[in-house]
Amino acid sequence: MPTEASADAVQASRGPIARSVVSDVVADCLADIDRIAHEYLREVQEIDGYAGSLVVDKDLEETAVASMELLLRLVGDLPIPDRLAGISEALGHRRAQQGLPLESLLRAVRMDFRVLWTAMLEKVPAEFLPSFTKDAVRVWEAVEFHTIRVHAGYLNELATMAQEKETRRAFLLSRLLNSDGKDPQLLGQAARALGVKPESTFIVAVAAGHAQETFRAGVLRAGVEQFLHERDGALILILEDVPARAGRGPERTRPWLATLDCFVAPPAQSLADVPRMLRIALESLPAVTPGRPGRQTVRDAWGSVAATRLGEYGTVLADTVLGPLATISGHERDRLIETVQAYLRSGSVSEAAGELYCHRNTVLNRLARFGQLTGFDPAIPQDAATVIAALHVHFMPGE
């Protein structure tokens, strides 16, 4: 913030000057400041960025007069009153809030030099003009003093605005994700904060706990880091699903997600559906493990989720289906279960045989043996569904 002390520092580097001439010129310019400011305003209004901006004429006029007074006081080694002490930073803050481009602002501020120097030259007696022109550096130093602080104020305000925007964005997103998605006002506010259309479809993905940094890096490479959010220790991607190119529909699956350890929920059909899909993703996330890397979906994770939800009923179901296998050796039990799992993955005896490196008759014999012991035939769809559920419970961690 420019103060008397900081103004003195600007003056300290200057050489000897004809103080009486400079003082007289500065005094004359201060008396004529409204005209000088008006000339400055006329030129500023022609700079790209000002026309159609939120900067109104009265604001421009008041700022121009105050800025010119500050510069004249700096040039003339005059005290800087409190009302002008923070004007440079305040100008930067205000123009940032008004959305004026920084390039336009700095161009306008640096224009002070030409306008002010021209006005001062008009008031210098002819006999002093040759020596007075040597003091152009004084005006330039004053303008740079002002410009640097305007620039700093602008950048500080941008940082503050960005932080406030991010805080509001995080707040509204948190409210949305904790809601049932039925509040139209909240949906509208969240959509504006996130920069999305509420009627769009959305990809909702959550990184596995062991792979958050890898997931973050993948999102950065894809250039969609602005849609990445952290919430309660979870790393969440909520990505508006827009057409990748003209003539194509929304991309339901981003190829780069396939390589990342994460769970991707079914597409949310609108922003209102995002909270539900996030709940699905968070509940399914335990299915994404180092042993099962890559993108997981409902198709991959439903079994473990269902087994968890079944609770003690699932334990009884697993005991009912697989309990009879306790009567055979552990080696045979493992072989039968392995064969049933291979068969259920494809529904093909031949594919199961190829996976297990054995003859298809061996697979048929093991499936028949499993059916005889348990009373559940994996070849019958209803029995197969029950066996699949029982196996998911059986292989749950801790079981």
Foldseek 3Di string as FASTA:
>chain_A
DAFLVNLVVLVPPDDDDPLVQLLVLLVVCLVVLLVLLVVLVVVLCPFPQNVPFPQDPVNSSVLSSLLLNQLSCSLNSHGDDPVNRQSLLVLLLVCLVRVGDPVSVLVSLQVSLVSVVVSSLVVGPPVCNVRVVVSSVSSVSSSVVSSVNSVVSNVVNVVVVVVVLVVQQQVLVVVLLPDLLPDVVSLVSNCVSLVHDQQFKKKKKKAALVFVVVVCVLCVVVVNNSQWDDDPSIIMGIGGFQDPDPPDGTDQDDVSQQQGQMEIEGIQRGSSSVSVRNVVRVLQNVLRDPVNGGYDYCVSRVLLSVLVVCPVVLVVLLCLQLVLVVVDDPVLSVVLVLLLVLCLVPVDLVSSCVVVVHDSVVSVVSQVVSCVRRVQRCNDVVSVVSVSNSVSNVPHPPD
